[in-house]
Amino acid sequence: MAKPGRESRHNLKYWTDGEWLGFGPGAHSTLAGARWANVASAGDYVSRVAAGLPLETDRRNLTAEERWQEA
């Protein structure tokens, strides 16, 4: 356990059911109870950006129970 005031700010978003957006190949995001990842391959990512195609893959909506367990 971290000392008060010395907690990992990065991990606090996970522990408090926070939201974040990931940018770039393989980045993960969570927003409004949904979680997704961007395509992992840099070449595929660039090709999709150039073609105006979605970058997202593996999107799923988390249940309230899943969100509680992860937090």
Protein backbone atom coordinates (compact mmCIF):
# COMPACT_ATOMS: atom_id res chain seq x y z
CA MET A 1 0.00 0.00 0.00
CA ALA A 2 1.29 3.44 -0.91
CA LYS A 3 1.78 6.17 1.63
CA PRO A 4 -0.92 8.87 1.58
CA GLY A 5 -0.19 11.37 -1.16
CA ARG A 6 2.25 8.95 -2.84
CA GLU A 7 -0.29 6.85 -4.76
CA SER A 8 0.32 6.17 -8.42
CA ARG A 9 -1.70 8.81 -10.28
CA HIS A 10 -1.60 6.59 -13.35
CA ASN A 11 -3.23 3.66 -11.54
CA LEU A 12 -5.77 5.79 -9.66
CA LYS A 13 -7.89 5.97 -12.82
CA TYR A 14 -8.25 2.19 -12.70
CA TRP A 15 -8.88 2.00 -8.98
CA THR A 16 -11.58 4.67 -9.06
CA ASP A 17 -13.40 3.47 -12.21
CA GLY A 18 -11.99 6.44 -14.12
CA GLU A 19 -12.16 7.06 -17.83
CA TRP A 20 -9.33 7.53 -20.30
CA LEU A 21 -8.65 7.71 -24.00
CA GLY A 22 -5.69 5.96 -25.56
CA PHE A 23 -4.05 7.24 -28.74
CA GLY A 24 -1.90 5.25 -31.13
CA PRO A 25 -1.54 1.62 -32.16
CA GLY A 26 -2.61 -0.84 -29.47
CA ALA A 27 -3.82 1.87 -27.11
CA HIS A 28 -6.78 1.07 -24.84
CA SER A 29 -9.63 3.37 -23.85
CA THR A 30 -12.60 3.31 -21.51
CA LEU A 31 -15.49 5.76 -21.56
CA ALA A 32 -19.07 5.60 -20.28
CA GLY A 33 -18.76 1.94 -19.31
CA ALA A 34 -17.32 0.81 -22.66
CA ARG A 35 -13.80 -0.45 -23.24
CA TRP A 36 -11.96 -0.84 -26.53
CA ALA A 37 -8.52 -1.05 -28.07
CA ASN A 38 -7.04 0.43 -31.22
CA VAL A 39 -5.63 -1.95 -33.82
CA ALA A 40 -2.19 -3.05 -32.67
CA SER A 41 -0.23 -2.99 -35.92
CA ALA A 42 1.35 0.39 -36.69
CA GLY A 43 1.01 -0.24 -40.42
CA ASP A 44 -2.66 -1.18 -40.10
CA TYR A 45 -3.24 1.86 -37.87
CA VAL A 46 -1.68 4.26 -40.42
CA SER A 47 -3.59 2.64 -43.29
CA ARG A 48 -6.87 3.00 -41.44
CA VAL A 49 -6.21 6.64 -40.58
CA ALA A 50 -5.36 7.38 -44.23
CA ALA A 51 -8.54 5.63 -45.41
CA GLY A 52 -10.75 7.25 -42.77
CA LEU A 53 -11.60 3.84 -41.29
CA PRO A 54 -12.32 3.15 -37.60
CA LEU A 55 -9.29 2.37 -35.44
CA GLU A 56 -11.24 0.62 -32.72
CA THR A 57 -11.33 -3.13 -32.16
CA ASP A 58 -12.53 -5.41 -29.37
CA ARG A 59 -15.16 -3.01 -28.04
CA ARG A 60 -17.25 -4.25 -25.14
CA ASN A 61 -19.65 -2.71 -22.71
CA LEU A 62 -18.80 -3.53 -19.13
CA THR A 63 -21.53 -4.44 -16.69
CA ALA A 64 -21.83 -2.54 -13.42
CA GLU A 65 -20.51 -5.64 -11.66
CA GLU A 66 -17.42 -5.81 -13.90
CA ARG A 67 -16.70 -2.12 -13.33
CA TRP A 68 -17.05 -2.57 -9.56
CA GLN A 69 -14.76 -5.62 -9.52
CA GLU A 70 -12.07 -3.84 -11.50
CA ALA A 71 -12.19 -0.72 -9.35
